[in-house]
Amino acid sequence: MGRQSASGDRKAVKRFIADEKETRALGAEFGVQLKVGDVVFLYGDLGAGKTTFVRGLLDGLGWEGAVRSPTFTLIQTYDTEPPILHTDLYRVRSWEGLGLEDYMDDHVMLLEWPDRAAGLVPEEEAWQVRIDFAETGRNVEIVRPLRSKSA
């Protein structure tokens, strides 16, 4: 999936992506390794490509329907194998009361704005995908969890 380097005890993959097509391709490549119970923290500024990455991830799992940003609905679920829950916590102060914990045992959880999910999953147990603006595209870093179903 790209260059690997040590990030403490965690392995990190870093890749430059030039456009939306490459973002989706990386998402598809990443998604096939996820297992039920995995949690993915998605970091990046507004418009960085988090939802585009998720679209690619779902493409890779065979999803053929629409993929909408959960900015206003807060939660979107997808009946794929494994099942996916995608949430955008930008507009909430806390995850409590959303029922996210009810999905943890039978979905892969993709969390945008994970700083608002403090206490839901320890950071070291979640995949971390960071998408940062670069001059001509995006820099993406994917950090493996110390403990997860698929790590």
N, C-alpha and C. Protein backbone atom coordinates (compact mmCIF):
# COMPACT_ATOMS: atom_id res chain seq x y z
N MET A 1 0.81 -1.19 0.00
CA MET A 1 0.00 0.00 0.00
C MET A 1 0.86 1.26 0.00
N GLY A 2 2.17 1.15 -0.18
CA GLY A 2 3.03 2.31 -0.18
C GLY A 2 4.22 2.08 0.73
N ARG A 3 4.98 3.14 1.02
CA ARG A 3 6.12 3.02 1.92
C ARG A 3 5.63 2.70 3.32
N GLN A 4 6.40 1.88 4.02
CA GLN A 4 6.07 1.61 5.42
C GLN A 4 7.18 2.15 6.29
N SER A 5 6.79 2.70 7.42
CA SER A 5 7.76 3.19 8.38
C SER A 5 7.22 2.90 9.77
N ALA A 6 8.10 2.89 10.73
CA ALA A 6 7.65 2.65 12.10
C ALA A 6 7.14 3.96 12.68
N SER A 7 6.00 3.91 13.34
CA SER A 7 5.43 5.06 14.03
C SER A 7 5.27 4.63 15.48
N GLY A 8 6.38 4.71 16.25
CA GLY A 8 6.39 4.10 17.57
C GLY A 8 6.36 2.60 17.35
N ASP A 9 5.44 1.92 18.01
CA ASP A 9 5.26 0.48 17.82
C ASP A 9 4.25 0.20 16.72
N ARG A 10 3.74 1.23 16.10
CA ARG A 10 2.70 1.07 15.09
C ARG A 10 3.28 1.29 13.71
N LYS A 11 2.83 0.49 12.77
CA LYS A 11 3.29 0.65 11.39
C LYS A 11 2.44 1.69 10.69
N ALA A 12 3.11 2.51 9.90
CA ALA A 12 2.41 3.55 9.14
C ALA A 12 2.72 3.39 7.66
N VAL A 13 1.71 3.63 6.86
CA VAL A 13 1.86 3.65 5.41
C VAL A 13 1.60 5.08 4.97
N LYS A 14 2.51 5.63 4.17
CA LYS A 14 2.36 7.01 3.69
C LYS A 14 2.30 6.99 2.17
N ARG A 15 1.37 7.78 1.64
CA ARG A 15 1.23 7.84 0.19
C ARG A 15 0.75 9.22 -0.23
N PHE A 16 1.27 9.68 -1.36
CA PHE A 16 0.77 10.90 -1.99
C PHE A 16 -0.30 10.49 -2.99
N ILE A 17 -1.43 11.19 -2.97
CA ILE A 17 -2.48 10.94 -3.95
C ILE A 17 -2.77 12.24 -4.69
N ALA A 18 -2.90 12.13 -6.01
CA ALA A 18 -3.00 13.32 -6.84
C ALA A 18 -4.43 13.79 -7.05
N ASP A 19 -5.41 12.87 -6.98
CA ASP A 19 -6.76 13.26 -7.35
C ASP A 19 -7.80 12.34 -6.71
N GLU A 20 -9.07 12.61 -7.02
CA GLU A 20 -10.17 11.84 -6.45
C GLU A 20 -10.09 10.37 -6.84
N LYS A 21 -9.70 10.08 -8.06
CA LYS A 21 -9.58 8.69 -8.51
C LYS A 21 -8.58 7.92 -7.66
N GLU A 22 -7.44 8.52 -7.37
CA GLU A 22 -6.43 7.87 -6.54
C GLU A 22 -6.90 7.74 -5.09
N THR A 23 -7.66 8.73 -4.62
CA THR A 23 -8.21 8.67 -3.26
C THR A 23 -9.14 7.47 -3.13
N ARG A 24 -10.02 7.30 -4.11
CA ARG A 24 -10.96 6.18 -4.08
C ARG A 24 -10.22 4.85 -4.22
N ALA A 25 -9.20 4.80 -5.06
CA ALA A 25 -8.44 3.56 -5.23
C ALA A 25 -7.74 3.17 -3.92
N LEU A 26 -7.18 4.14 -3.22
CA LEU A 26 -6.54 3.85 -1.94
C LEU A 26 -7.57 3.38 -0.92
N GLY A 27 -8.74 4.02 -0.90
CA GLY A 27 -9.81 3.58 0.00
C GLY A 27 -10.21 2.14 -0.27
N ALA A 28 -10.33 1.77 -1.55
CA ALA A 28 -10.71 0.40 -1.92
C ALA A 28 -9.64 -0.59 -1.48
N GLU A 29 -8.38 -0.23 -1.68
CA GLU A 29 -7.27 -1.09 -1.28
C GLU A 29 -7.24 -1.28 0.24
N PHE A 30 -7.49 -0.22 0.96
CA PHE A 30 -7.49 -0.27 2.42
C PHE A 30 -8.66 -1.09 2.97
N GLY A 31 -9.84 -0.88 2.43
CA GLY A 31 -11.05 -1.45 2.99
C GLY A 31 -11.12 -2.96 3.02
N VAL A 32 -10.46 -3.62 2.07
CA VAL A 32 -10.59 -5.08 2.00
C VAL A 32 -9.93 -5.79 3.17
N GLN A 33 -9.09 -5.12 3.93
CA GLN A 33 -8.43 -5.77 5.07
C GLN A 33 -9.20 -5.60 6.38
N LEU A 34 -10.26 -4.81 6.38
CA LEU A 34 -11.00 -4.54 7.61
C LEU A 34 -11.90 -5.70 8.00
N LYS A 35 -12.09 -5.85 9.30
CA LYS A 35 -12.93 -6.90 9.87
C LYS A 35 -13.96 -6.29 10.80
N VAL A 36 -15.07 -7.00 11.00
CA VAL A 36 -16.09 -6.57 11.96
C VAL A 36 -15.42 -6.26 13.29
N GLY A 37 -15.79 -5.15 13.89
CA GLY A 37 -15.21 -4.72 15.16
C GLY A 37 -14.09 -3.71 15.01
N ASP A 38 -13.55 -3.57 13.80
CA ASP A 38 -12.50 -2.57 13.58
C ASP A 38 -13.11 -1.17 13.63
N VAL A 39 -12.30 -0.23 14.08
CA VAL A 39 -12.67 1.19 14.12
C VAL A 39 -11.60 1.96 13.35
N VAL A 40 -12.05 2.88 12.49
CA VAL A 40 -11.15 3.69 11.69
C VAL A 40 -11.42 5.15 12.02
N PHE A 41 -10.41 5.85 12.52
CA PHE A 41 -10.50 7.28 12.76
C PHE A 41 -10.05 7.99 11.48
N LEU A 42 -10.90 8.85 10.95
CA LEU A 42 -10.61 9.60 9.73
C LEU A 42 -10.33 11.05 10.09
N TYR A 43 -9.08 11.48 9.87
CA TYR A 43 -8.65 12.84 10.18
C TYR A 43 -8.44 13.62 8.89
N GLY A 44 -8.77 14.90 8.92
CA GLY A 44 -8.52 15.77 7.78
C GLY A 44 -9.44 16.98 7.86
N ASP A 45 -8.98 18.08 7.29
CA ASP A 45 -9.78 19.29 7.27
C ASP A 45 -11.02 19.09 6.41
N LEU A 46 -11.96 20.02 6.52
CA LEU A 46 -13.13 20.00 5.65
C LEU A 46 -12.66 19.99 4.19
N GLY A 47 -13.22 19.10 3.40
CA GLY A 47 -12.87 19.02 1.99
C GLY A 47 -11.59 18.27 1.68
N ALA A 48 -10.97 17.67 2.68
CA ALA A 48 -9.70 16.96 2.45
C ALA A 48 -9.87 15.68 1.65
N GLY A 49 -11.04 15.06 1.74
CA GLY A 49 -11.26 13.83 0.99
C GLY A 49 -11.66 12.63 1.83
N LYS A 50 -12.08 12.88 3.06
CA LYS A 50 -12.45 11.76 3.94
C LYS A 50 -13.61 10.95 3.37
N THR A 51 -14.66 11.62 2.95
CA THR A 51 -15.82 10.91 2.40
C THR A 51 -15.48 10.28 1.06
N THR A 52 -14.64 10.91 0.27
CA THR A 52 -14.19 10.30 -0.99
C THR A 52 -13.43 9.01 -0.71
N PHE A 53 -12.58 9.01 0.30
CA PHE A 53 -11.86 7.81 0.72
C PHE A 53 -12.86 6.72 1.10
N VAL A 54 -13.90 7.10 1.85
CA VAL A 54 -14.94 6.13 2.26
C VAL A 54 -15.67 5.60 1.03
N ARG A 55 -15.95 6.45 0.05
CA ARG A 55 -16.59 5.98 -1.19
C ARG A 55 -15.74 4.88 -1.84
N GLY A 56 -14.44 5.10 -1.89
CA GLY A 56 -13.54 4.10 -2.45
C GLY A 56 -13.53 2.83 -1.63
N LEU A 57 -13.52 2.97 -0.32
CA LEU A 57 -13.56 1.82 0.57
C LEU A 57 -14.80 0.98 0.28
N LEU A 58 -15.93 1.64 0.16
CA LEU A 58 -17.19 0.93 -0.13
C LEU A 58 -17.19 0.34 -1.53
N ASP A 59 -16.59 1.04 -2.50
CA ASP A 59 -16.43 0.47 -3.85
C ASP A 59 -15.70 -0.87 -3.76
N GLY A 60 -14.63 -0.89 -2.98
CA GLY A 60 -13.82 -2.09 -2.84
C GLY A 60 -14.56 -3.24 -2.18
N LEU A 61 -15.59 -2.92 -1.41
CA LEU A 61 -16.40 -3.96 -0.76
C LEU A 61 -17.62 -4.34 -1.60
N GLY A 62 -17.71 -3.77 -2.80
CA GLY A 62 -18.79 -4.14 -3.71
C GLY A 62 -20.06 -3.33 -3.60
N TRP A 63 -20.04 -2.26 -2.82
CA TRP A 63 -21.24 -1.42 -2.67
C TRP A 63 -21.50 -0.69 -3.98
N GLU A 64 -22.72 -0.78 -4.47
CA GLU A 64 -23.08 -0.14 -5.75
C GLU A 64 -24.03 1.03 -5.58
N GLY A 65 -24.52 1.27 -4.38
CA GLY A 65 -25.46 2.36 -4.15
C GLY A 65 -24.76 3.69 -3.94
N ALA A 66 -25.56 4.70 -3.63
CA ALA A 66 -25.03 6.03 -3.35
C ALA A 66 -24.26 6.03 -2.03
N VAL A 67 -23.27 6.87 -1.95
CA VAL A 67 -22.51 7.08 -0.72
C VAL A 67 -22.60 8.56 -0.40
N ARG A 68 -23.30 8.87 0.66
CA ARG A 68 -23.51 10.27 1.05
C ARG A 68 -22.71 10.59 2.30
N SER A 69 -22.25 11.81 2.37
CA SER A 69 -21.58 12.25 3.58
C SER A 69 -22.60 12.27 4.71
N PRO A 70 -22.24 11.74 5.87
CA PRO A 70 -23.17 11.76 7.00
C PRO A 70 -23.12 13.06 7.81
N THR A 71 -22.71 14.16 7.17
CA THR A 71 -22.59 15.43 7.88
C THR A 71 -23.90 15.82 8.56
N PHE A 72 -25.02 15.63 7.90
CA PHE A 72 -26.30 16.04 8.47
C PHE A 72 -27.08 14.87 9.07
N THR A 73 -26.95 13.68 8.50
CA THR A 73 -27.65 12.51 9.04
C THR A 73 -26.91 11.93 10.24
N LEU A 74 -25.65 12.27 10.38
CA LEU A 74 -24.72 11.81 11.42
C LEU A 74 -24.26 10.38 11.24
N ILE A 75 -25.16 9.47 10.86
CA ILE A 75 -24.80 8.05 10.72
C ILE A 75 -25.35 7.52 9.41
N GLN A 76 -24.50 6.82 8.67
CA GLN A 76 -24.92 6.07 7.47
C GLN A 76 -24.42 4.64 7.66
N THR A 77 -25.26 3.68 7.35
CA THR A 77 -24.82 2.28 7.40
C THR A 77 -24.91 1.69 6.00
N TYR A 78 -24.07 0.71 5.75
CA TYR A 78 -24.00 0.06 4.44
C TYR A 78 -23.96 -1.45 4.66
N ASP A 79 -24.83 -2.14 3.94
CA ASP A 79 -24.94 -3.60 4.05
C ASP A 79 -23.92 -4.25 3.13
N THR A 80 -22.68 -4.22 3.55
CA THR A 80 -21.57 -4.82 2.82
C THR A 80 -21.01 -5.95 3.67
N GLU A 81 -19.99 -6.60 3.18
CA GLU A 81 -19.31 -7.62 3.97
C GLU A 81 -17.87 -7.18 4.14
N PRO A 82 -17.47 -6.71 5.30
CA PRO A 82 -18.25 -6.57 6.53
C PRO A 82 -19.17 -5.34 6.47
N PRO A 83 -20.20 -5.31 7.33
CA PRO A 83 -21.09 -4.14 7.38
C PRO A 83 -20.32 -2.90 7.83
N ILE A 84 -20.68 -1.76 7.26
CA ILE A 84 -19.97 -0.50 7.54
C ILE A 84 -20.92 0.50 8.18
N LEU A 85 -20.43 1.17 9.22
CA LEU A 85 -21.10 2.34 9.79
C LEU A 85 -20.15 3.52 9.55
N HIS A 86 -20.66 4.58 8.91
CA HIS A 86 -19.88 5.78 8.64
C HIS A 86 -20.55 6.93 9.38
N THR A 87 -19.80 7.60 10.23
CA THR A 87 -20.37 8.72 10.97
C THR A 87 -19.48 9.95 10.87
N ASP A 88 -20.11 11.10 10.86
CA ASP A 88 -19.42 12.38 10.82
C ASP A 88 -19.83 13.13 12.07
N LEU A 89 -18.88 13.30 12.97
CA LEU A 89 -19.18 13.91 14.28
C LEU A 89 -18.87 15.41 14.31
N TYR A 90 -18.66 16.03 13.16
CA TYR A 90 -18.29 17.44 13.10
C TYR A 90 -19.30 18.33 13.83
N ARG A 91 -20.57 18.03 13.70
CA ARG A 91 -21.61 18.90 14.24
C ARG A 91 -22.06 18.51 15.65
N VAL A 92 -21.43 17.53 16.27
CA VAL A 92 -21.85 17.12 17.61
C VAL A 92 -20.72 17.40 18.60
N ARG A 93 -21.11 17.55 19.83
CA ARG A 93 -20.10 17.77 20.88
C ARG A 93 -19.59 16.45 21.44
N SER A 94 -20.44 15.42 21.38
CA SER A 94 -20.07 14.12 21.96
C SER A 94 -20.82 13.01 21.23
N TRP A 95 -20.21 11.86 21.19
CA TRP A 95 -20.83 10.68 20.57
C TRP A 95 -21.90 10.07 21.46
N GLU A 96 -21.87 10.37 22.73
CA GLU A 96 -22.82 9.76 23.66
C GLU A 96 -24.25 10.13 23.26
N GLY A 97 -25.12 9.17 23.29
CA GLY A 97 -26.50 9.38 22.90
C GLY A 97 -26.78 9.06 21.44
N LEU A 98 -25.73 8.83 20.64
CA LEU A 98 -25.92 8.48 19.23
C LEU A 98 -26.12 6.97 19.03
N GLY A 99 -25.78 6.19 20.06
CA GLY A 99 -25.93 4.74 19.94
C GLY A 99 -24.78 4.06 19.20
N LEU A 100 -23.66 4.74 19.04
CA LEU A 100 -22.54 4.15 18.31
C LEU A 100 -22.06 2.84 18.92
N GLU A 101 -22.08 2.77 20.23
CA GLU A 101 -21.60 1.55 20.89
C GLU A 101 -22.44 0.33 20.50
N ASP A 102 -23.67 0.55 20.06
CA ASP A 102 -24.53 -0.56 19.63
C ASP A 102 -24.05 -1.21 18.34
N TYR A 103 -23.21 -0.52 17.58
CA TYR A 103 -22.72 -1.03 16.30
C TYR A 103 -21.34 -1.66 16.40
N MET A 104 -20.67 -1.52 17.51
CA MET A 104 -19.26 -1.87 17.60
C MET A 104 -18.97 -3.35 17.37
N ASP A 105 -19.86 -4.23 17.77
CA ASP A 105 -19.58 -5.66 17.66
C ASP A 105 -19.95 -6.25 16.32
N ASP A 106 -20.72 -5.53 15.50
CA ASP A 106 -21.16 -6.15 14.24
C ASP A 106 -20.97 -5.27 13.01
N HIS A 107 -20.15 -4.22 13.13
CA HIS A 107 -19.84 -3.34 12.01
C HIS A 107 -18.36 -2.94 12.05
N VAL A 108 -17.86 -2.47 10.95
CA VAL A 108 -16.64 -1.67 10.93
C VAL A 108 -17.12 -0.24 11.08
N MET A 109 -16.52 0.50 12.00
CA MET A 109 -16.94 1.88 12.25
C MET A 109 -15.91 2.84 11.65
N LEU A 110 -16.39 3.74 10.80
CA LEU A 110 -15.57 4.79 10.19
C LEU A 110 -16.00 6.11 10.81
N LEU A 111 -15.10 6.74 11.57
CA LEU A 111 -15.45 7.94 12.33
C LEU A 111 -14.71 9.16 11.82
N GLU A 112 -15.45 10.10 11.21
CA GLU A 112 -14.88 11.40 10.87
C GLU A 112 -14.97 12.29 12.10
N TRP A 113 -13.95 13.10 12.33
CA TRP A 113 -13.83 13.98 13.49
C TRP A 113 -13.81 13.15 14.78
N PRO A 114 -12.87 12.20 14.87
CA PRO A 114 -12.83 11.29 16.02
C PRO A 114 -12.51 11.95 17.35
N ASP A 115 -12.02 13.19 17.34
CA ASP A 115 -11.77 13.89 18.60
C ASP A 115 -13.07 14.03 19.38
N ARG A 116 -14.20 13.99 18.71
CA ARG A 116 -15.50 14.09 19.38
C ARG A 116 -15.99 12.72 19.84
N ALA A 117 -15.18 11.70 19.64
CA ALA A 117 -15.53 10.34 20.07
C ALA A 117 -14.64 9.89 21.23
N ALA A 118 -14.07 10.86 21.94
CA ALA A 118 -13.18 10.52 23.05
C ALA A 118 -13.89 9.60 24.03
N GLY A 119 -13.22 8.51 24.37
CA GLY A 119 -13.77 7.55 25.31
C GLY A 119 -14.50 6.39 24.66
N LEU A 120 -14.81 6.49 23.38
CA LEU A 120 -15.50 5.40 22.69
C LEU A 120 -14.55 4.24 22.43
N VAL A 121 -13.39 4.55 21.87
CA VAL A 121 -12.37 3.56 21.55
C VAL A 121 -11.01 4.19 21.83
N PRO A 122 -10.13 3.50 22.53
CA PRO A 122 -8.78 4.05 22.72
C PRO A 122 -8.10 4.25 21.37
N GLU A 123 -7.40 5.36 21.21
CA GLU A 123 -6.75 5.69 19.94
C GLU A 123 -5.85 4.56 19.45
N GLU A 124 -5.14 3.90 20.36
CA GLU A 124 -4.21 2.86 19.94
C GLU A 124 -4.92 1.60 19.41
N GLU A 125 -6.23 1.50 19.62
CA GLU A 125 -6.99 0.35 19.13
C GLU A 125 -7.72 0.65 17.83
N ALA A 126 -7.53 1.85 17.29
CA ALA A 126 -8.20 2.25 16.06
C ALA A 126 -7.18 2.44 14.93
N TRP A 127 -7.59 2.09 13.72
CA TRP A 127 -6.85 2.50 12.54
C TRP A 127 -6.93 4.03 12.49
N GLN A 128 -5.88 4.67 12.00
CA GLN A 128 -5.91 6.12 11.83
C GLN A 128 -5.57 6.46 10.38
N VAL A 129 -6.47 7.17 9.74
CA VAL A 129 -6.25 7.62 8.36
C VAL A 129 -6.22 9.14 8.40
N ARG A 130 -5.08 9.70 8.04
CA ARG A 130 -4.92 11.15 8.02
C ARG A 130 -4.76 11.61 6.57
N ILE A 131 -5.61 12.54 6.18
CA ILE A 131 -5.56 13.09 4.82
C ILE A 131 -5.28 14.58 4.94
N ASP A 132 -4.14 15.00 4.43
CA ASP A 132 -3.72 16.40 4.52
C ASP A 132 -3.55 16.99 3.13
N PHE A 133 -3.94 18.24 2.99
CA PHE A 133 -3.74 18.95 1.73
C PHE A 133 -2.25 19.06 1.43
N ALA A 134 -1.89 18.85 0.18
CA ALA A 134 -0.54 19.08 -0.33
C ALA A 134 -0.67 20.02 -1.52
N GLU A 135 0.43 20.53 -2.01
CA GLU A 135 0.38 21.53 -3.07
C GLU A 135 -0.39 21.04 -4.30
N THR A 136 -0.17 19.81 -4.70
CA THR A 136 -0.81 19.30 -5.93
C THR A 136 -1.67 18.07 -5.70
N GLY A 137 -2.08 17.84 -4.46
CA GLY A 137 -2.90 16.67 -4.15
C GLY A 137 -3.09 16.53 -2.66
N ARG A 138 -2.93 15.31 -2.17
CA ARG A 138 -3.09 15.04 -0.74
C ARG A 138 -1.99 14.09 -0.27
N ASN A 139 -1.58 14.26 0.97
CA ASN A 139 -0.73 13.29 1.63
C ASN A 139 -1.61 12.46 2.55
N VAL A 140 -1.48 11.16 2.45
CA VAL A 140 -2.29 10.26 3.27
C VAL A 140 -1.35 9.40 4.11
N GLU A 141 -1.68 9.27 5.38
CA GLU A 141 -0.95 8.36 6.26
C GLU A 141 -1.97 7.44 6.91
N ILE A 142 -1.71 6.15 6.83
CA ILE A 142 -2.56 5.14 7.46
C ILE A 142 -1.74 4.44 8.53
N VAL A 143 -2.20 4.52 9.77
CA VAL A 143 -1.49 3.94 10.91
C VAL A 143 -2.30 2.77 11.43
N ARG A 144 -1.63 1.62 11.54
CA ARG A 144 -2.28 0.41 12.04
C ARG A 144 -2.50 0.52 13.55
N PRO A 145 -3.57 -0.07 14.04
CA PRO A 145 -3.78 -0.10 15.49
C PRO A 145 -2.82 -1.09 16.14
N LEU A 146 -2.59 -0.90 17.42
CA LEU A 146 -1.80 -1.88 18.15
C LEU A 146 -2.58 -3.18 18.32
N ARG A 147 -3.89 -3.04 18.53
CA ARG A 147 -4.75 -4.22 18.69
C ARG A 147 -6.03 -3.96 17.91
N SER A 148 -6.38 -4.90 17.04
CA SER A 148 -7.66 -4.84 16.33
C SER A 148 -7.95 -6.20 15.75
N LYS A 149 -9.11 -6.34 15.15
CA LYS A 149 -9.49 -7.60 14.53
C LYS A 149 -8.63 -7.91 13.31
N SER A 150 -8.16 -6.87 12.61
CA SER A 150 -7.46 -7.10 11.35
C SER A 150 -5.98 -6.75 11.37
N ALA A 151 -5.50 -6.16 12.47
CA ALA A 151 -4.08 -5.75 12.50
C ALA A 151 -3.17 -6.94 12.71
